[in-house]
Amino acid sequence: MNRILLLSFLALLTATLAFKGVDLWSLGTNVDGDGIGIHFMGFEINDRVPKASIPVYAIGFLASSLVTLLIGIVLIGGKFRGAENETY
């Protein structure tokens, strides 16, 4: 049961990180003023991100979503690998 909750949390985190990365990537440097503030899940990451640094943040969010996805895959793979050794 704990593993299912952890996998659900990782799936939610992966999706939100990926959506934020895609949102920032699609925004690009098309912003009003000198830059933007970046918020994630109610937390302020940075309040003054210059236009040139927005793609860097987008890549960071996308890379973080990939890491959480890989962690979830490893946990699922460990579950199935452990099931092969069990006898019924």
N, C-alpha and C. Protein backbone atom coordinates (compact mmCIF):
# COMPACT_ATOMS: atom_id res chain seq x y z
N MET A 1 0.83 -1.20 0.00
CA MET A 1 0.00 0.00 0.00
C MET A 1 0.87 1.26 0.00
N ASN A 2 1.96 1.22 0.77
CA ASN A 2 2.86 2.38 0.81
C ASN A 2 3.49 2.64 -0.55
N ARG A 3 3.81 1.56 -1.26
CA ARG A 3 4.43 1.70 -2.58
C ARG A 3 3.46 2.34 -3.57
N ILE A 4 2.18 1.98 -3.47
CA ILE A 4 1.18 2.56 -4.36
C ILE A 4 1.04 4.06 -4.09
N LEU A 5 1.04 4.44 -2.82
CA LEU A 5 0.96 5.87 -2.48
C LEU A 5 2.19 6.62 -2.97
N LEU A 6 3.35 6.02 -2.81
CA LEU A 6 4.58 6.66 -3.28
C LEU A 6 4.57 6.81 -4.80
N LEU A 7 4.14 5.76 -5.51
CA LEU A 7 4.08 5.83 -6.96
C LEU A 7 3.05 6.87 -7.42
N SER A 8 1.95 6.97 -6.71
CA SER A 8 0.94 7.99 -7.05
C SER A 8 1.50 9.38 -6.85
N PHE A 9 2.21 9.59 -5.75
CA PHE A 9 2.83 10.89 -5.50
C PHE A 9 3.87 11.21 -6.56
N LEU A 10 4.70 10.22 -6.93
CA LEU A 10 5.71 10.46 -7.96
C LEU A 10 5.07 10.75 -9.31
N ALA A 11 3.97 10.08 -9.63
CA ALA A 11 3.27 10.34 -10.90
C ALA A 11 2.72 11.76 -10.92
N LEU A 12 2.13 12.18 -9.80
CA LEU A 12 1.60 13.54 -9.72
C LEU A 12 2.73 14.57 -9.83
N LEU A 13 3.82 14.33 -9.13
CA LEU A 13 4.96 15.24 -9.17
C LEU A 13 5.57 15.29 -10.57
N THR A 14 5.68 14.14 -11.22
CA THR A 14 6.21 14.09 -12.59
C THR A 14 5.35 14.90 -13.53
N ALA A 15 4.03 14.73 -13.43
CA ALA A 15 3.12 15.46 -14.32
C ALA A 15 3.19 16.97 -14.08
N THR A 16 3.19 17.38 -12.82
CA THR A 16 3.22 18.82 -12.54
C THR A 16 4.55 19.45 -12.96
N LEU A 17 5.65 18.74 -12.74
CA LEU A 17 6.95 19.26 -13.19
C LEU A 17 7.01 19.36 -14.70
N ALA A 18 6.50 18.35 -15.40
CA ALA A 18 6.52 18.37 -16.86
C ALA A 18 5.64 19.50 -17.40
N PHE A 19 4.43 19.66 -16.84
CA PHE A 19 3.56 20.73 -17.30
C PHE A 19 4.16 22.10 -17.06
N LYS A 20 4.83 22.28 -15.92
CA LYS A 20 5.47 23.58 -15.65
C LYS A 20 6.62 23.82 -16.62
N GLY A 21 7.39 22.77 -16.92
CA GLY A 21 8.48 22.91 -17.87
C GLY A 21 7.99 23.25 -19.26
N VAL A 22 6.93 22.58 -19.70
CA VAL A 22 6.37 22.87 -21.02
C VAL A 22 5.77 24.27 -21.05
N ASP A 23 5.12 24.66 -19.96
CA ASP A 23 4.54 26.00 -19.88
C ASP A 23 5.63 27.07 -19.99
N LEU A 24 6.72 26.89 -19.28
CA LEU A 24 7.82 27.86 -19.35
C LEU A 24 8.48 27.83 -20.73
N TRP A 25 8.61 26.64 -21.31
CA TRP A 25 9.23 26.53 -22.63
C TRP A 25 8.38 27.22 -23.69
N SER A 26 7.06 27.06 -23.60
CA SER A 26 6.19 27.70 -24.58
C SER A 26 6.14 29.22 -24.37
N LEU A 27 6.35 29.65 -23.13
CA LEU A 27 6.39 31.08 -22.84
C LEU A 27 7.63 31.71 -23.46
N GLY A 28 8.74 31.00 -23.36
CA GLY A 28 9.99 31.48 -23.95
C GLY A 28 10.39 32.82 -23.39
N THR A 29 10.73 33.72 -24.26
CA THR A 29 11.11 35.06 -23.82
C THR A 29 10.03 36.09 -24.16
N ASN A 30 8.83 35.61 -24.44
CA ASN A 30 7.72 36.49 -24.78
C ASN A 30 7.00 36.93 -23.51
N VAL A 31 7.63 37.82 -22.75
CA VAL A 31 7.06 38.30 -21.49
C VAL A 31 7.08 39.83 -21.48
N ASP A 32 6.21 40.38 -20.66
CA ASP A 32 6.20 41.83 -20.48
C ASP A 32 7.28 42.21 -19.47
N GLY A 33 7.97 43.27 -19.72
CA GLY A 33 8.99 43.74 -18.79
C GLY A 33 10.30 43.00 -18.94
N ASP A 34 11.07 42.99 -17.86
CA ASP A 34 12.40 42.41 -17.89
C ASP A 34 12.41 40.91 -17.63
N GLY A 35 11.39 40.38 -16.96
CA GLY A 35 11.38 38.96 -16.63
C GLY A 35 10.09 38.56 -15.95
N ILE A 36 10.12 37.40 -15.31
CA ILE A 36 8.92 36.88 -14.65
C ILE A 36 9.29 36.30 -13.29
N GLY A 37 8.27 36.00 -12.50
CA GLY A 37 8.44 35.26 -11.27
C GLY A 37 7.98 33.83 -11.51
N ILE A 38 8.70 32.87 -10.96
CA ILE A 38 8.36 31.47 -11.17
C ILE A 38 7.87 30.88 -9.86
N HIS A 39 6.67 30.30 -9.91
CA HIS A 39 6.06 29.64 -8.76
C HIS A 39 5.77 28.20 -9.13
N PHE A 40 5.94 27.29 -8.14
CA PHE A 40 5.64 25.88 -8.37
C PHE A 40 4.96 25.32 -7.13
N MET A 41 3.77 24.79 -7.33
CA MET A 41 2.96 24.19 -6.26
C MET A 41 2.81 25.12 -5.06
N GLY A 42 2.60 26.38 -5.32
CA GLY A 42 2.37 27.35 -4.27
C GLY A 42 3.62 27.95 -3.66
N PHE A 43 4.78 27.51 -4.08
CA PHE A 43 6.04 28.04 -3.57
C PHE A 43 6.69 28.93 -4.61
N GLU A 44 7.27 30.03 -4.14
CA GLU A 44 7.96 30.94 -5.04
C GLU A 44 9.39 30.43 -5.24
N ILE A 45 9.72 30.10 -6.47
CA ILE A 45 11.06 29.63 -6.79
C ILE A 45 12.01 30.83 -6.93
N ASN A 46 11.59 31.78 -7.73
CA ASN A 46 12.39 32.99 -7.95
C ASN A 46 11.43 34.09 -8.38
N ASP A 47 11.59 35.27 -7.82
CA ASP A 47 10.66 36.35 -8.16
C ASP A 47 11.16 37.23 -9.30
N ARG A 48 12.42 37.12 -9.68
CA ARG A 48 12.96 37.93 -10.78
C ARG A 48 13.83 37.07 -11.69
N VAL A 49 13.20 36.40 -12.62
CA VAL A 49 13.94 35.59 -13.58
C VAL A 49 14.04 36.39 -14.87
N PRO A 50 15.26 36.71 -15.31
CA PRO A 50 15.41 37.46 -16.57
C PRO A 50 14.93 36.63 -17.76
N LYS A 51 14.60 37.32 -18.83
CA LYS A 51 14.11 36.65 -20.03
C LYS A 51 15.05 35.56 -20.52
N ALA A 52 16.32 35.82 -20.48
CA ALA A 52 17.31 34.88 -21.01
C ALA A 52 17.39 33.59 -20.17
N SER A 53 16.97 33.63 -18.92
CA SER A 53 17.07 32.47 -18.05
C SER A 53 15.81 31.61 -18.02
N ILE A 54 14.75 32.04 -18.67
CA ILE A 54 13.50 31.28 -18.64
C ILE A 54 13.67 29.90 -19.28
N PRO A 55 14.35 29.76 -20.44
CA PRO A 55 14.55 28.41 -20.98
C PRO A 55 15.37 27.50 -20.08
N VAL A 56 16.29 28.06 -19.31
CA VAL A 56 17.08 27.26 -18.37
C VAL A 56 16.19 26.67 -17.29
N TYR A 57 15.26 27.47 -16.78
CA TYR A 57 14.31 26.97 -15.79
C TYR A 57 13.40 25.91 -16.40
N ALA A 58 12.99 26.11 -17.65
CA ALA A 58 12.14 25.14 -18.33
C ALA A 58 12.86 23.80 -18.45
N ILE A 59 14.12 23.83 -18.85
CA ILE A 59 14.91 22.60 -18.96
C ILE A 59 15.08 21.95 -17.58
N GLY A 60 15.26 22.76 -16.55
CA GLY A 60 15.38 22.22 -15.20
C GLY A 60 14.12 21.51 -14.74
N PHE A 61 12.96 22.09 -15.02
CA PHE A 61 11.71 21.43 -14.66
C PHE A 61 11.51 20.15 -15.46
N LEU A 62 11.83 20.17 -16.75
CA LEU A 62 11.69 18.97 -17.56
C LEU A 62 12.66 17.87 -17.13
N ALA A 63 13.87 18.24 -16.78
CA ALA A 63 14.84 17.26 -16.30
C ALA A 63 14.40 16.67 -14.96
N SER A 64 13.85 17.49 -14.09
CA SER A 64 13.35 17.01 -12.81
C SER A 64 12.19 16.05 -13.00
N SER A 65 11.33 16.33 -13.98
CA SER A 65 10.22 15.41 -14.24
C SER A 65 10.74 14.08 -14.77
N LEU A 66 11.79 14.12 -15.56
CA LEU A 66 12.39 12.88 -16.06
C LEU A 66 12.99 12.06 -14.92
N VAL A 67 13.63 12.72 -13.98
CA VAL A 67 14.21 12.02 -12.83
C VAL A 67 13.13 11.35 -11.99
N THR A 68 12.04 12.07 -11.71
CA THR A 68 10.97 11.46 -10.91
C THR A 68 10.29 10.33 -11.68
N LEU A 69 10.20 10.44 -13.00
CA LEU A 69 9.64 9.35 -13.81
C LEU A 69 10.53 8.12 -13.72
N LEU A 70 11.84 8.31 -13.81
CA LEU A 70 12.77 7.20 -13.73
C LEU A 70 12.74 6.53 -12.35
N ILE A 71 12.59 7.31 -11.31
CA ILE A 71 12.48 6.75 -9.96
C ILE A 71 11.23 5.87 -9.87
N GLY A 72 10.12 6.34 -10.43
CA GLY A 72 8.89 5.55 -10.43
C GLY A 72 9.05 4.26 -11.21
N ILE A 73 9.73 4.33 -12.36
CA ILE A 73 9.95 3.12 -13.17
C ILE A 73 10.82 2.13 -12.42
N VAL A 74 11.84 2.61 -11.74
CA VAL A 74 12.71 1.72 -10.96
C VAL A 74 11.91 1.06 -9.83
N LEU A 75 11.05 1.81 -9.17
CA LEU A 75 10.24 1.22 -8.10
C LEU A 75 9.29 0.16 -8.64
N ILE A 76 8.69 0.42 -9.79
CA ILE A 76 7.79 -0.57 -10.40
C ILE A 76 8.58 -1.79 -10.84
N GLY A 77 9.74 -1.56 -11.45
CA GLY A 77 10.58 -2.67 -11.89
C GLY A 77 11.04 -3.53 -10.72
N GLY A 78 11.34 -2.92 -9.60
CA GLY A 78 11.73 -3.68 -8.41
C GLY A 78 10.58 -4.52 -7.88
N LYS A 79 9.38 -4.01 -7.99
CA LYS A 79 8.20 -4.76 -7.55
C LYS A 79 8.02 -6.02 -8.39
N PHE A 80 8.14 -5.89 -9.72
CA PHE A 80 7.98 -7.04 -10.60
C PHE A 80 9.15 -8.00 -10.50
N ARG A 81 10.34 -7.49 -10.33
CA ARG A 81 11.51 -8.35 -10.21
C ARG A 81 11.43 -9.16 -8.92
N GLY A 82 10.92 -8.53 -7.85
CA GLY A 82 10.76 -9.23 -6.59
C GLY A 82 9.66 -10.29 -6.67
N ALA A 83 8.68 -10.09 -7.53
CA ALA A 83 7.57 -11.05 -7.66
C ALA A 83 8.03 -12.31 -8.38
N GLU A 84 9.09 -12.25 -9.19
CA GLU A 84 9.57 -13.43 -9.90
C GLU A 84 10.16 -14.47 -8.95
N ASN A 85 10.70 -14.03 -7.83
CA ASN A 85 11.37 -14.92 -6.90
C ASN A 85 10.41 -15.57 -5.91
N GLU A 86 9.16 -15.11 -5.87
CA GLU A 86 8.21 -15.67 -4.93
C GLU A 86 7.62 -16.95 -5.46
N THR A 87 7.36 -17.89 -4.57
CA THR A 87 6.69 -19.13 -4.95
C THR A 87 5.32 -19.16 -4.30
N TYR A 88 4.38 -19.73 -5.01
CA TYR A 88 3.02 -19.77 -4.51
C TYR A 88 2.61 -21.16 -4.13
